[in-house]
PDB file of all heavy atoms in Angstrom:
ATOM      1  N   TRP A   1     140.176 120.980 136.650  1.00  0.00           N
ATOM      2  CA  TRP A   1     140.840 122.235 136.996  1.00  0.00           C
ATOM      3  C   TRP A   1     139.835 123.094 137.742  1.00  0.00           C
ATOM      4  O   TRP A   1     140.166 123.686 138.789  1.00  0.00           O
ATOM      5  CB  TRP A   1     141.368 122.937 135.719  1.00  0.00           C
ATOM      6  CG  TRP A   1     142.251 124.117 135.981  1.00  0.00           C
ATOM      7  CD1 TRP A   1     143.613 124.131 136.079  1.00  0.00           C
ATOM      8  CD2 TRP A   1     141.842 125.470 136.259  1.00  0.00           C
ATOM      9  NE1 TRP A   1     144.082 125.379 136.308  1.00  0.00           N
ATOM     10  CE2 TRP A   1     143.040 126.242 136.429  1.00  0.00           C
ATOM     11  CE3 TRP A   1     140.629 126.135 136.369  1.00  0.00           C
ATOM     12  CZ2 TRP A   1     143.021 127.616 136.704  1.00  0.00           C
ATOM     13  CZ3 TRP A   1     140.581 127.508 136.615  1.00  0.00           C
ATOM     14  CH2 TRP A   1     141.782 128.237 136.796  1.00  0.00           C
ATOM     15  N   VAL A   2     138.653 123.202 137.244  1.00  0.00           N
ATOM     16  CA  VAL A   2     137.601 124.021 137.871  1.00  0.00           C
ATOM     17  C   VAL A   2     137.343 123.494 139.320  1.00  0.00           C
ATOM     18  O   VAL A   2     137.294 124.266 140.283  1.00  0.00           O
ATOM     19  CB  VAL A   2     136.294 124.060 137.029  1.00  0.00           C
ATOM     20  CG1 VAL A   2     135.154 124.676 137.901  1.00  0.00           C
ATOM     21  CG2 VAL A   2     136.543 124.853 135.780  1.00  0.00           C
ATOM     22  N   GLU A   3     137.186 122.171 139.439  1.00  0.00           N
ATOM     23  CA  GLU A   3     136.997 121.636 140.795  1.00  0.00           C
ATOM     24  C   GLU A   3     138.186 121.902 141.711  1.00  0.00           C
ATOM     25  O   GLU A   3     138.033 122.270 142.894  1.00  0.00           O
ATOM     26  CB  GLU A   3     136.711 120.162 140.742  1.00  0.00           C
ATOM     27  CG  GLU A   3     136.387 119.551 142.098  1.00  0.00           C
ATOM     28  CD  GLU A   3     135.996 118.111 142.030  1.00  0.00           C
ATOM     29  OE1 GLU A   3     135.898 117.493 140.958  1.00  0.00           O
ATOM     30  OE2 GLU A   3     135.734 117.550 143.136  1.00  0.00           O
ATOM     31  N   ASP A   4     139.376 121.691 141.167  1.00  0.00           N
ATOM     32  CA  ASP A   4     140.600 121.934 142.015  1.00  0.00           C
ATOM     33  C   ASP A   4     140.714 123.375 142.496  1.00  0.00           C
ATOM     34  O   ASP A   4     141.118 123.590 143.611  1.00  0.00           O
ATOM     35  CB  ASP A   4     141.884 121.678 141.147  1.00  0.00           C
ATOM     36  CG  ASP A   4     142.111 120.226 140.757  1.00  0.00           C
ATOM     37  OD1 ASP A   4     141.489 119.326 141.373  1.00  0.00           O
ATOM     38  OD2 ASP A   4     142.934 120.002 139.845  1.00  0.00           O
ATOM     39  N   LYS A   5     140.317 124.309 141.668  1.00  0.00           N
ATOM     40  CA  LYS A   5     140.466 125.721 142.045  1.00  0.00           C
ATOM     41  C   LYS A   5     139.284 126.330 142.734  1.00  0.00           C
ATOM     42  O   LYS A   5     139.458 127.215 143.589  1.00  0.00           O
ATOM     43  CB  LYS A   5     140.749 126.600 140.787  1.00  0.00           C
ATOM     44  CG  LYS A   5     141.942 126.153 139.955  1.00  0.00           C
ATOM     45  CD  LYS A   5     143.196 126.071 140.760  1.00  0.00           C
ATOM     46  CE  LYS A   5     144.409 125.715 139.864  1.00  0.00           C
ATOM     47  NZ  LYS A   5     145.291 124.767 140.444  1.00  0.00           N
ATOM     48  N   PHE A   6     138.022 125.884 142.429  1.00  0.00           N
ATOM     49  CA  PHE A   6     136.810 126.507 142.990  1.00  0.00           C
ATOM     50  C   PHE A   6     135.945 125.594 143.739  1.00  0.00           C
ATOM     51  O   PHE A   6     134.941 126.045 144.306  1.00  0.00           O
ATOM     52  CB  PHE A   6     135.999 127.130 141.815  1.00  0.00           C
ATOM     53  CG  PHE A   6     136.770 128.180 141.078  1.00  0.00           C
ATOM     54  CD1 PHE A   6     137.095 127.958 139.727  1.00  0.00           C
ATOM     55  CD2 PHE A   6     137.145 129.375 141.627  1.00  0.00           C
ATOM     56  CE1 PHE A   6     137.782 128.917 139.025  1.00  0.00           C
ATOM     57  CE2 PHE A   6     137.845 130.342 140.911  1.00  0.00           C
ATOM     58  CZ  PHE A   6     138.165 130.101 139.609  1.00  0.00           C
ATOM     59  N   GLY A   7     136.252 124.285 143.797  1.00  0.00           N
ATOM     60  CA  GLY A   7     135.393 123.374 144.469  1.00  0.00           C
ATOM     61  C   GLY A   7     134.325 122.721 143.535  1.00  0.00           C
ATOM     62  O   GLY A   7     134.059 123.232 142.467  1.00  0.00           O
ATOM     63  N   TYR A   8     133.834 121.636 144.020  1.00  0.00           N
ATOM     64  CA  TYR A   8     132.927 120.819 143.174  1.00  0.00           C
ATOM     65  C   TYR A   8     131.676 121.604 142.721  1.00  0.00           C
ATOM     66  O   TYR A   8     131.215 121.449 141.593  1.00  0.00           O
ATOM     67  CB  TYR A   8     132.478 119.581 143.981  1.00  0.00           C
ATOM     68  CG  TYR A   8     131.385 118.819 143.290  1.00  0.00           C
ATOM     69  CD1 TYR A   8     131.720 117.992 142.180  1.00  0.00           C
ATOM     70  CD2 TYR A   8     130.090 118.863 143.682  1.00  0.00           C
ATOM     71  CE1 TYR A   8     130.735 117.289 141.494  1.00  0.00           C
ATOM     72  CE2 TYR A   8     129.077 118.161 143.031  1.00  0.00           C
ATOM     73  CZ  TYR A   8     129.430 117.382 141.929  1.00  0.00           C
ATOM     74  OH  TYR A   8     128.443 116.699 141.237  1.00  0.00           O
ATOM     75  N   GLU A   9     131.098 122.443 143.591  1.00  0.00           N
ATOM     76  CA  GLU A   9     129.883 123.173 143.240  1.00  0.00           C
ATOM     77  C   GLU A   9     130.032 123.976 141.948  1.00  0.00           C
ATOM     78  O   GLU A   9     129.114 124.091 141.166  1.00  0.00           O
ATOM     79  CB  GLU A   9     129.479 124.083 144.364  1.00  0.00           C
ATOM     80  CG  GLU A   9     128.733 123.368 145.517  1.00  0.00           C
ATOM     81  CD  GLU A   9     127.512 122.605 145.010  1.00  0.00           C
ATOM     82  OE1 GLU A   9     126.691 123.166 144.344  1.00  0.00           O
ATOM     83  OE2 GLU A   9     127.373 121.396 145.381  1.00  0.00           O
ATOM     84  N   MET A  10     131.231 124.553 141.738  1.00  0.00           N
ATOM     85  CA  MET A  10     131.408 125.377 140.522  1.00  0.00           C
ATOM     86  C   MET A  10     131.415 124.549 139.262  1.00  0.00           C
ATOM     87  O   MET A  10     131.178 125.099 138.160  1.00  0.00           O
ATOM     88  CB  MET A  10     132.721 126.193 140.697  1.00  0.00           C
ATOM     89  CG  MET A  10     132.888 127.261 139.624  1.00  0.00           C
ATOM     90  SD  MET A  10     131.562 128.521 139.801  1.00  0.00           S
ATOM     91  CE  MET A  10     131.984 129.593 138.468  1.00  0.00           C
ATOM     92  N   THR A  11     131.593 123.232 139.321  1.00  0.00           N
ATOM     93  CA  THR A  11     131.544 122.422 138.151  1.00  0.00           C
ATOM     94  C   THR A  11     130.177 122.412 137.498  1.00  0.00           C
ATOM     95  O   THR A  11     130.044 122.148 136.343  1.00  0.00           O
ATOM     96  CB  THR A  11     132.024 120.964 138.419  1.00  0.00           C
ATOM     97  OG1 THR A  11     131.077 120.314 139.269  1.00  0.00           O
ATOM     98  CG2 THR A  11     133.444 120.961 138.996  1.00  0.00           C
ATOM     99  N   HIS A  12     129.131 122.708 138.291  1.00  0.00           N
ATOM    100  CA  HIS A  12     127.779 122.840 137.802  1.00  0.00           C
ATOM    101  C   HIS A  12     127.650 124.049 136.862  1.00  0.00           C
ATOM    102  O   HIS A  12     126.727 124.127 136.078  1.00  0.00           O
ATOM    103  CB  HIS A  12     126.740 122.917 138.893  1.00  0.00           C
ATOM    104  CG  HIS A  12     126.683 121.679 139.714  1.00  0.00           C
ATOM    105  ND1 HIS A  12     126.050 120.527 139.311  1.00  0.00           N
ATOM    106  CD2 HIS A  12     127.202 121.351 140.923  1.00  0.00           C
ATOM    107  CE1 HIS A  12     126.160 119.560 140.196  1.00  0.00           C
ATOM    108  NE2 HIS A  12     126.887 120.075 141.196  1.00  0.00           N
ATOM    109  N   ASN A  13     128.559 124.991 136.987  1.00  0.00           N
ATOM    110  CA  ASN A  13     128.556 126.226 136.181  1.00  0.00           C
ATOM    111  C   ASN A  13     129.623 126.232 135.130  1.00  0.00           C
ATOM    112  O   ASN A  13     130.031 127.299 134.644  1.00  0.00           O
ATOM    113  CB  ASN A  13     128.691 127.455 137.102  1.00  0.00           C
ATOM    114  CG  ASN A  13     127.437 127.665 137.932  1.00  0.00           C
ATOM    115  OD1 ASN A  13     126.766 126.702 138.334  1.00  0.00           O
ATOM    116  ND2 ASN A  13     127.164 128.872 138.265  1.00  0.00           N
ATOM    117  N   LEU A  14     130.168 125.060 134.764  1.00  0.00           N
ATOM    118  CA  LEU A  14     131.139 124.937 133.685  1.00  0.00           C
ATOM    119  C   LEU A  14     130.431 124.569 132.408  1.00  0.00           C
ATOM    120  O   LEU A  14     129.669 123.567 132.402  1.00  0.00           O
ATOM    121  CB  LEU A  14     132.173 123.845 134.033  1.00  0.00           C
ATOM    122  CG  LEU A  14     133.147 123.448 132.956  1.00  0.00           C
ATOM    123  CD1 LEU A  14     134.012 124.651 132.534  1.00  0.00           C
ATOM    124  CD2 LEU A  14     134.013 122.295 133.407  1.00  0.00           C
ATOM    125  N   ILE A  15     130.659 125.312 131.356  1.00  0.00           N
ATOM    126  CA  ILE A  15     130.104 125.042 130.068  1.00  0.00           C
ATOM    127  C   ILE A  15     131.295 124.893 129.046  1.00  0.00           C
ATOM    128  O   ILE A  15     132.086 125.797 128.933  1.00  0.00           O
ATOM    129  CB  ILE A  15     129.202 126.195 129.623  1.00  0.00           C
ATOM    130  CG1 ILE A  15     128.053 126.384 130.617  1.00  0.00           C
ATOM    131  CG2 ILE A  15     128.641 125.917 128.196  1.00  0.00           C
ATOM    132  CD1 ILE A  15     127.268 127.680 130.441  1.00  0.00           C
ATOM    133  N   ILE A  16     131.339 123.767 128.422  1.00  0.00           N
ATOM    134  CA  ILE A  16     132.359 123.514 127.430  1.00  0.00           C
ATOM    135  C   ILE A  16     131.664 123.523 126.081  1.00  0.00           C
ATOM    136  O   ILE A  16     130.835 122.663 125.790  1.00  0.00           O
ATOM    137  CB  ILE A  16     133.114 122.185 127.677  1.00  0.00           C
ATOM    138  CG1 ILE A  16     133.771 122.221 129.061  1.00  0.00           C
ATOM    139  CG2 ILE A  16     134.176 121.969 126.571  1.00  0.00           C
ATOM    140  CD1 ILE A  16     134.439 120.945 129.487  1.00  0.00           C
ATOM    141  N   CYS A  17     131.977 124.543 125.278  1.00  0.00           N
ATOM    142  CA  CYS A  17     131.219 124.757 124.046  1.00  0.00           C
ATOM    143  C   CYS A  17     132.150 125.413 122.983  1.00  0.00           C
ATOM    144  O   CYS A  17     132.855 126.379 123.316  1.00  0.00           O
ATOM    145  CB  CYS A  17     130.068 125.654 124.341  1.00  0.00           C
ATOM    146  SG  CYS A  17     129.016 126.076 122.911  1.00  0.00           S
ATOM    147  N   SER A  18     132.116 124.950 121.782  1.00  0.00           N
ATOM    148  CA  SER A  18     132.976 125.510 120.749  1.00  0.00           C
ATOM    149  C   SER A  18     132.401 126.806 120.132  1.00  0.00           C
ATOM    150  O   SER A  18     133.072 127.445 119.361  1.00  0.00           O
ATOM    151  CB  SER A  18     133.162 124.480 119.633  1.00  0.00           C
ATOM    152  OG  SER A  18     133.886 123.389 120.125  1.00  0.00           O
ATOM    153  N   HIS A  19     131.135 127.114 120.405  1.00  0.00           N
ATOM    154  CA  HIS A  19     130.544 128.303 119.805  1.00  0.00           C
ATOM    155  C   HIS A  19     129.879 129.148 120.893  1.00  0.00           C
ATOM    156  O   HIS A  19     128.747 128.933 121.290  1.00  0.00           O
ATOM    157  CB  HIS A  19     129.461 127.895 118.786  1.00  0.00           C
ATOM    158  CG  HIS A  19     129.091 128.974 117.855  1.00  0.00           C
ATOM    159  ND1 HIS A  19     128.553 130.161 118.265  1.00  0.00           N
ATOM    160  CD2 HIS A  19     129.209 129.074 116.522  1.00  0.00           C
ATOM    161  CE1 HIS A  19     128.330 130.948 117.220  1.00  0.00           C
ATOM    162  NE2 HIS A  19     128.760 130.311 116.144  1.00  0.00           N
ATOM    163  N   LYS A  20     130.652 130.099 121.435  1.00  0.00           N
ATOM    164  CA  LYS A  20     130.225 130.898 122.572  1.00  0.00           C
ATOM    165  C   LYS A  20     129.067 131.845 122.247  1.00  0.00           C
ATOM    166  O   LYS A  20     128.344 132.262 123.154  1.00  0.00           O
ATOM    167  CB  LYS A  20     131.425 131.665 123.088  1.00  0.00           C
ATOM    168  CG  LYS A  20     132.502 130.726 123.607  1.00  0.00           C
ATOM    169  CD  LYS A  20     133.714 131.431 124.054  1.00  0.00           C
ATOM    170  CE  LYS A  20     134.782 130.433 124.551  1.00  0.00           C
ATOM    171  NZ  LYS A  20     135.987 131.079 125.080  1.00  0.00           N
ATOM    172  N   GLY A  21     128.831 132.137 120.980  1.00  0.00           N
ATOM    173  CA  GLY A  21     127.708 133.004 120.603  1.00  0.00           C
ATOM    174  C   GLY A  21     126.366 132.366 120.768  1.00  0.00           C
ATOM    175  O   GLY A  21     125.319 133.042 120.685  1.00  0.00           O
ATOM    176  N   LEU A  22     126.296 131.070 121.025  1.00  0.00           N
ATOM    177  CA  LEU A  22     125.019 130.375 121.242  1.00  0.00           C
ATOM    178  C   LEU A  22     124.423 130.666 122.610  1.00  0.00           C
ATOM    179  O   LEU A  22     123.227 130.501 122.764  1.00  0.00           O
ATOM    180  CB  LEU A  22     125.223 128.878 121.102  1.00  0.00           C
ATOM    181  CG  LEU A  22     125.650 128.329 119.774  1.00  0.00           C
ATOM    182  CD1 LEU A  22     125.934 126.858 119.778  1.00  0.00           C
ATOM    183  CD2 LEU A  22     124.584 128.600 118.709  1.00  0.00           C
ATOM    184  N   LEU A  23     125.220 131.120 123.543  1.00  0.00           N
ATOM    185  CA  LEU A  23     124.743 131.304 124.891  1.00  0.00           C
ATOM    186  C   LEU A  23     124.131 132.702 125.065  1.00  0.00           C
ATOM    187  O   LEU A  23     124.566 133.689 124.422  1.00  0.00           O
ATOM    188  CB  LEU A  23     125.864 131.048 125.896  1.00  0.00           C
ATOM    189  CG  LEU A  23     126.133 129.592 126.026  1.00  0.00           C
ATOM    190  CD1 LEU A  23     127.356 129.173 125.201  1.00  0.00           C
ATOM    191  CD2 LEU A  23     126.274 129.168 127.451  1.00  0.00           C
ATOM    192  N   LYS A  24     123.190 132.777 125.933  1.00  0.00           N
ATOM    193  CA  LYS A  24     122.534 134.050 126.259  1.00  0.00           C
ATOM    194  C   LYS A  24     123.063 134.576 127.599  1.00  0.00           C
ATOM    195  O   LYS A  24     123.117 133.796 128.547  1.00  0.00           O
ATOM    196  CB  LYS A  24     120.991 133.860 126.402  1.00  0.00           C
ATOM    197  CG  LYS A  24     120.337 133.312 125.150  1.00  0.00           C
ATOM    198  CD  LYS A  24     120.295 134.299 124.052  1.00  0.00           C
ATOM    199  CE  LYS A  24     119.567 133.728 122.862  1.00  0.00           C
ATOM    200  NZ  LYS A  24     119.795 134.512 121.668  1.00  0.00           N
ATOM    201  N   GLY A  25     123.438 135.780 127.649  1.00  0.00           N
ATOM    202  CA  GLY A  25     123.912 136.379 128.875  1.00  0.00           C
ATOM    203  C   GLY A  25     124.231 137.825 128.699  1.00  0.00           C
ATOM    204  O   GLY A  25     124.016 138.401 127.638  1.00  0.00           O
ATOM    205  N   ASP A  26     124.756 138.420 129.761  1.00  0.00           N
ATOM    206  CA  ASP A  26     125.035 139.871 129.784  1.00  0.00           C
ATOM    207  C   ASP A  26     126.450 140.225 129.424  1.00  0.00           C
ATOM    208  O   ASP A  26     126.719 141.169 128.730  1.00  0.00           O
ATOM    209  CB  ASP A  26     124.676 140.440 131.148  1.00  0.00           C
ATOM    210  CG  ASP A  26     123.208 140.245 131.482  1.00  0.00           C
ATOM    211  OD1 ASP A  26     122.378 140.788 130.800  1.00  0.00           O
ATOM    212  OD2 ASP A  26     122.973 139.438 132.467  1.00  0.00           O
ATOM    213  N   ILE A  27     127.391 139.389 129.935  1.00  0.00           N
ATOM    214  CA  ILE A  27     128.813 139.722 129.762  1.00  0.00           C
ATOM    215  C   ILE A  27     129.599 138.419 129.484  1.00  0.00           C
ATOM    216  O   ILE A  27     129.392 137.431 130.107  1.00  0.00           O
ATOM    217  CB  ILE A  27     129.376 140.435 130.981  1.00  0.00           C
ATOM    218  CG1 ILE A  27     128.707 141.800 131.183  1.00  0.00           C
ATOM    219  CG2 ILE A  27     130.898 140.628 130.889  1.00  0.00           C
ATOM    220  CD1 ILE A  27     128.962 142.497 132.482  1.00  0.00           C
ATOM    221  N   LEU A  28     130.470 138.533 128.504  1.00  0.00           N
ATOM    222  CA  LEU A  28     131.469 137.478 128.201  1.00  0.00           C
ATOM    223  C   LEU A  28     132.849 138.066 128.382  1.00  0.00           C
ATOM    224  O   LEU A  28     133.177 139.055 127.763  1.00  0.00           O
ATOM    225  CB  LEU A  28     131.269 136.948 126.768  1.00  0.00           C
ATOM    226  CG  LEU A  28     132.362 136.041 126.220  1.00  0.00           C
ATOM    227  CD1 LEU A  28     132.448 134.766 127.022  1.00  0.00           C
ATOM    228  CD2 LEU A  28     132.081 135.743 124.756  1.00  0.00           C
ATOM    229  N   ILE A  29     133.602 137.438 129.257  1.00  0.00           N
ATOM    230  CA  ILE A  29     134.979 137.873 129.491  1.00  0.00           C
ATOM    231  C   ILE A  29     135.875 136.877 128.764  1.00  0.00           C
ATOM    232  O   ILE A  29     135.936 135.699 129.117  1.00  0.00           O
ATOM    233  CB  ILE A  29     135.336 137.893 130.994  1.00  0.00           C
ATOM    234  CG1 ILE A  29     134.373 138.816 131.736  1.00  0.00           C
ATOM    235  CG2 ILE A  29     136.808 138.367 131.214  1.00  0.00           C
ATOM    236  CD1 ILE A  29     134.422 138.712 133.250  1.00  0.00           C
ATOM    237  N   ASP A  30     136.539 137.305 127.696  1.00  0.00           N
ATOM    238  CA  ASP A  30     137.292 136.364 126.839  1.00  0.00           C
ATOM    239  C   ASP A  30     138.528 137.080 126.325  1.00  0.00           C
ATOM    240  O   ASP A  30     138.527 138.282 126.087  1.00  0.00           O
ATOM    241  CB  ASP A  30     136.377 135.953 125.665  1.00  0.00           C
ATOM    242  CG  ASP A  30     136.788 134.592 125.074  1.00  0.00           C
ATOM    243  OD1 ASP A  30     137.967 134.522 124.636  1.00  0.00           O
ATOM    244  OD2 ASP A  30     135.992 133.692 125.002  1.00  0.00           O
TER     245      ASP A  30
END
């Protein structure tokens, strides 16, 4: 789906994870 909508390059920025609190970042849109 990500590749279909945004192109192959964006697949490098796809993270599939059951626990979103493990990631470090500034903003989570959920």
